[in-house]
Amino acid sequence: MGLARTAVDNHVAYWNARDRASWVKLFSDAVTFEDPVGTPPKTGVEAVRNSWDRSFRPGRRWHLRPRQIVEAGLEAAVVMHNEGHLGDRVVEVNGIEIFTVDAHGLIVSVRSFFDQPTEFALDDYFTPVRSSADGG
């Protein structure tokens, strides 16, 4: 198992354990998030923290289940199943996530491809149109 696969495995493990401190340490200070692809990139440690905080705001929690991970060099493509608990609703978002790591195994890029759900609303931080307060 290479650096990219290890980073993805740790991303999933720390996320699902709700271990914010360990999860944040997986990322380079210069990380770029395209989440989703097609939105303005979010960069740096602030983007890492915002991604966590906006995903786990009160009444929301997400559980990740990778369906397939394909590693090539310092990159990994992941078919990811996201199960969300939004209040009393259980929802699903399926997508493809591309992770790139540096020579130290820190995540430097995350590109997330998924269809915007129509039956429930994602946090604005994860939609194509964001307000300036959301980093858009």
C-alpha atoms as a PDB file:
ATOM      1  CA  MET A   1       0.000   0.000   0.000  1.00  0.00           C
ATOM      2  CA  GLY A   2       1.363   3.376  -1.032  1.00  0.00           C
ATOM      3  CA  LEU A   3       1.172   6.880   0.404  1.00  0.00           C
ATOM      4  CA  ALA A   4      -2.037   7.853  -1.398  1.00  0.00           C
ATOM      5  CA  ARG A   5      -3.923   4.736  -0.301  1.00  0.00           C
ATOM      6  CA  THR A   6      -2.730   5.219   3.279  1.00  0.00           C
ATOM      7  CA  ALA A   7      -3.925   8.841   3.210  1.00  0.00           C
ATOM      8  CA  VAL A   8      -7.369   7.807   1.931  1.00  0.00           C
ATOM      9  CA  ASP A   9      -7.673   5.024   4.508  1.00  0.00           C
ATOM     10  CA  ASN A  10      -6.732   7.452   7.290  1.00  0.00           C
ATOM     11  CA  HIS A  11      -9.104  10.103   5.927  1.00  0.00           C
ATOM     12  CA  VAL A  12     -11.992   7.638   6.130  1.00  0.00           C
ATOM     13  CA  ALA A  13     -10.983   6.251   9.539  1.00  0.00           C
ATOM     14  CA  TYR A  14     -10.530   9.651  11.214  1.00  0.00           C
ATOM     15  CA  TRP A  15     -13.658  11.085   9.597  1.00  0.00           C
ATOM     16  CA  ASN A  16     -15.832   8.177  10.698  1.00  0.00           C
ATOM     17  CA  ALA A  17     -14.350   8.265  14.206  1.00  0.00           C
ATOM     18  CA  ARG A  18     -15.043  12.021  14.284  1.00  0.00           C
ATOM     19  CA  ASP A  19     -11.401  12.648  15.164  1.00  0.00           C
ATOM     20  CA  ARG A  20     -11.061  16.190  13.855  1.00  0.00           C
ATOM     21  CA  ALA A  21      -7.533  16.784  15.177  1.00  0.00           C
ATOM     22  CA  SER A  22      -6.079  13.694  13.473  1.00  0.00           C
ATOM     23  CA  TRP A  23      -8.052  14.339  10.280  1.00  0.00           C
ATOM     24  CA  VAL A  24      -6.778  17.918   9.963  1.00  0.00           C
ATOM     25  CA  LYS A  25      -3.167  16.689  10.268  1.00  0.00           C
ATOM     26  CA  LEU A  26      -3.574  14.588   7.098  1.00  0.00           C
ATOM     27  CA  PHE A  27      -3.498  17.712   4.915  1.00  0.00           C
ATOM     28  CA  SER A  28      -0.709  19.916   3.603  1.00  0.00           C
ATOM     29  CA  ASP A  29      -0.908  23.598   4.576  1.00  0.00           C
ATOM     30  CA  ALA A  30      -1.271  24.295   0.829  1.00  0.00           C
ATOM     31  CA  VAL A  31      -4.073  21.794   0.167  1.00  0.00           C
ATOM     32  CA  THR A  32      -6.633  22.597  -2.511  1.00  0.00           C
ATOM     33  CA  PHE A  33     -10.221  21.323  -2.335  1.00  0.00           C
ATOM     34  CA  GLU A  34     -12.467  21.243  -5.383  1.00  0.00           C
ATOM     35  CA  ASP A  35     -15.536  20.041  -3.523  1.00  0.00           C
ATOM     36  CA  PRO A  36     -17.404  19.777  -5.769  1.00  0.00           C
ATOM     37  CA  VAL A  37     -15.388  20.129  -8.961  1.00  0.00           C
ATOM     38  CA  GLY A  38     -16.663  23.167 -10.832  1.00  0.00           C
ATOM     39  CA  THR A  39     -16.753  25.399  -7.762  1.00  0.00           C
ATOM     40  CA  PRO A  40     -14.012  27.859  -6.887  1.00  0.00           C
ATOM     41  CA  PRO A  41     -11.184  25.956  -5.177  1.00  0.00           C
ATOM     42  CA  LYS A  42     -10.913  26.191  -1.407  1.00  0.00           C
ATOM     43  CA  THR A  43      -7.337  26.284  -0.164  1.00  0.00           C
ATOM     44  CA  GLY A  44      -5.220  25.894   2.922  1.00  0.00           C
ATOM     45  CA  VAL A  45      -5.773  24.825   6.483  1.00  0.00           C
ATOM     46  CA  GLU A  46      -8.839  27.076   6.769  1.00  0.00           C
ATOM     47  CA  ALA A  47     -10.492  25.065   3.975  1.00  0.00           C
ATOM     48  CA  VAL A  48      -9.719  21.839   5.836  1.00  0.00           C
ATOM     49  CA  ARG A  49     -11.279  23.140   9.032  1.00  0.00           C
ATOM     50  CA  ASN A  50     -14.286  24.602   7.205  1.00  0.00           C
ATOM     51  CA  SER A  51     -14.929  21.314   5.397  1.00  0.00           C
ATOM     52  CA  TRP A  52     -15.049  19.500   8.719  1.00  0.00           C
ATOM     53  CA  ASP A  53     -17.008  22.142  10.605  1.00  0.00           C
ATOM     54  CA  ARG A  54     -19.598  22.619   7.861  1.00  0.00           C
ATOM     55  CA  SER A  55     -20.080  18.846   7.503  1.00  0.00           C
ATOM     56  CA  PHE A  56     -20.541  18.293  11.232  1.00  0.00           C
ATOM     57  CA  ARG A  57     -22.511  21.377  12.173  1.00  0.00           C
ATOM     58  CA  PRO A  58     -25.298  20.694  14.709  1.00  0.00           C
ATOM     59  CA  GLY A  59     -27.846  18.192  13.438  1.00  0.00           C
ATOM     60  CA  ARG A  60     -25.564  16.870  10.684  1.00  0.00           C
ATOM     61  CA  ARG A  61     -23.116  14.022  10.545  1.00  0.00           C
ATOM     62  CA  TRP A  62     -21.631  12.032   7.694  1.00  0.00           C
ATOM     63  CA  HIS A  63     -20.223   8.528   7.438  1.00  0.00           C
ATOM     64  CA  LEU A  64     -17.882   7.564   4.576  1.00  0.00           C
ATOM     65  CA  ARG A  65     -17.736   4.168   2.896  1.00  0.00           C
ATOM     66  CA  PRO A  66     -15.281   3.797   0.042  1.00  0.00           C
ATOM     67  CA  ARG A  67     -16.630   1.324  -2.518  1.00  0.00           C
ATOM     68  CA  GLN A  68     -13.406   1.138  -4.528  1.00  0.00           C
ATOM     69  CA  ILE A  69      -9.951   2.697  -4.220  1.00  0.00           C
ATOM     70  CA  VAL A  70      -7.534   2.704  -7.149  1.00  0.00           C
ATOM     71  CA  GLU A  71      -4.043   3.995  -6.368  1.00  0.00           C
ATOM     72  CA  ALA A  72      -1.509   5.148  -8.955  1.00  0.00           C
ATOM     73  CA  GLY A  73       1.673   6.792  -7.747  1.00  0.00           C
ATOM     74  CA  LEU A  74       0.838   9.707  -5.465  1.00  0.00           C
ATOM     75  CA  GLU A  75      -2.844   9.717  -6.427  1.00  0.00           C
ATOM     76  CA  ALA A  76      -5.887   7.658  -5.556  1.00  0.00           C
ATOM     77  CA  ALA A  77      -9.322   7.613  -7.172  1.00  0.00           C
ATOM     78  CA  VAL A  78     -12.112   6.632  -4.798  1.00  0.00           C
ATOM     79  CA  VAL A  79     -15.689   5.631  -5.495  1.00  0.00           C
ATOM     80  CA  MET A  80     -17.152   7.039  -2.290  1.00  0.00           C
ATOM     81  CA  HIS A  81     -20.500   6.496  -0.627  1.00  0.00           C
ATOM     82  CA  ASN A  82     -21.440   9.278   1.809  1.00  0.00           C
ATOM     83  CA  GLU A  83     -24.232   8.556   4.252  1.00  0.00           C
ATOM     84  CA  GLY A  84     -25.580  11.660   5.899  1.00  0.00           C
ATOM     85  CA  HIS A  85     -27.684  11.990   8.995  1.00  0.00           C
ATOM     86  CA  LEU A  86     -29.461  15.331   8.673  1.00  0.00           C
ATOM     87  CA  GLY A  87     -31.659  15.662  11.701  1.00  0.00           C
ATOM     88  CA  ASP A  88     -33.923  12.631  11.521  1.00  0.00           C
ATOM     89  CA  ARG A  89     -33.276  11.954   7.807  1.00  0.00           C
ATOM     90  CA  VAL A  90     -30.740   9.521   6.382  1.00  0.00           C
ATOM     91  CA  VAL A  91     -29.492  10.601   2.959  1.00  0.00           C
ATOM     92  CA  GLU A  92     -26.895   9.416   0.448  1.00  0.00           C
ATOM     93  CA  VAL A  93     -24.414  11.119  -1.842  1.00  0.00           C
ATOM     94  CA  ASN A  94     -22.294   8.972  -4.133  1.00  0.00           C
ATOM     95  CA  GLY A  95     -19.327  10.299  -6.010  1.00  0.00           C
ATOM     96  CA  ILE A  96     -15.773   9.951  -7.184  1.00  0.00           C
ATOM     97  CA  GLU A  97     -13.002  11.608  -5.206  1.00  0.00           C
ATOM     98  CA  ILE A  98      -9.448  12.096  -6.462  1.00  0.00           C
ATOM     99  CA  PHE A  99      -6.768  12.490  -3.783  1.00  0.00           C
ATOM    100  CA  THR A 100      -3.195  13.632  -4.445  1.00  0.00           C
ATOM    101  CA  VAL A 101      -0.501  13.444  -1.778  1.00  0.00           C
ATOM    102  CA  ASP A 102       3.012  14.822  -1.563  1.00  0.00           C
ATOM    103  CA  ALA A 103       6.208  12.836  -0.971  1.00  0.00           C
ATOM    104  CA  HIS A 104       5.477  12.888   2.779  1.00  0.00           C
ATOM    105  CA  GLY A 105       1.974  11.460   2.342  1.00  0.00           C
ATOM    106  CA  LEU A 106       0.168  14.716   3.145  1.00  0.00           C
ATOM    107  CA  ILE A 107      -2.946  15.392   1.072  1.00  0.00           C
ATOM    108  CA  VAL A 108      -2.316  18.310  -1.310  1.00  0.00           C
ATOM    109  CA  SER A 109      -5.443  18.035  -3.462  1.00  0.00           C
ATOM    110  CA  VAL A 110      -8.963  16.675  -3.197  1.00  0.00           C
ATOM    111  CA  ARG A 111     -11.255  16.749  -6.239  1.00  0.00           C
ATOM    112  CA  SER A 112     -14.794  15.581  -5.563  1.00  0.00           C
ATOM    113  CA  PHE A 113     -17.225  14.723  -8.359  1.00  0.00           C
ATOM    114  CA  PHE A 114     -20.875  14.218  -7.449  1.00  0.00           C
ATOM    115  CA  ASP A 115     -24.334  15.214  -8.593  1.00  0.00           C
ATOM    116  CA  GLN A 116     -25.954  17.843  -6.415  1.00  0.00           C
ATOM    117  CA  PRO A 117     -28.815  16.186  -4.558  1.00  0.00           C
ATOM    118  CA  THR A 118     -32.323  17.435  -5.264  1.00  0.00           C
ATOM    119  CA  GLU A 119     -34.197  15.794  -2.376  1.00  0.00           C
ATOM    120  CA  PHE A 120     -32.228  17.578   0.377  1.00  0.00           C
ATOM    121  CA  ALA A 121     -29.910  20.571   0.700  1.00  0.00           C
ATOM    122  CA  LEU A 122     -26.187  20.323   1.252  1.00  0.00           C
ATOM    123  CA  ASP A 123     -24.476  23.031   3.248  1.00  0.00           C
ATOM    124  CA  ASP A 124     -23.751  25.984   0.908  1.00  0.00           C
ATOM    125  CA  TYR A 125     -20.037  25.278   1.329  1.00  0.00           C
ATOM    126  CA  PHE A 126     -20.507  22.209  -0.896  1.00  0.00           C
ATOM    127  CA  THR A 127     -22.690  23.674  -3.645  1.00  0.00           C
ATOM    128  CA  PRO A 128     -21.771  25.338  -6.952  1.00  0.00           C
ATOM    129  CA  VAL A 129     -22.946  28.799  -5.833  1.00  0.00           C
ATOM    130  CA  ARG A 130     -21.489  30.000  -2.539  1.00  0.00           C
ATOM    131  CA  SER A 131     -21.768  33.314  -0.770  1.00  0.00           C
ATOM    132  CA  SER A 132     -18.616  35.282   0.001  1.00  0.00           C
ATOM    133  CA  ALA A 133     -19.000  34.282   3.666  1.00  0.00           C
ATOM    134  CA  ASP A 134     -18.624  30.663   2.560  1.00  0.00           C
ATOM    135  CA  GLY A 135     -15.328  31.238   0.738  1.00  0.00           C
ATOM    136  CA  GLY A 136     -16.874  31.730  -2.713  1.00  0.00           C
END
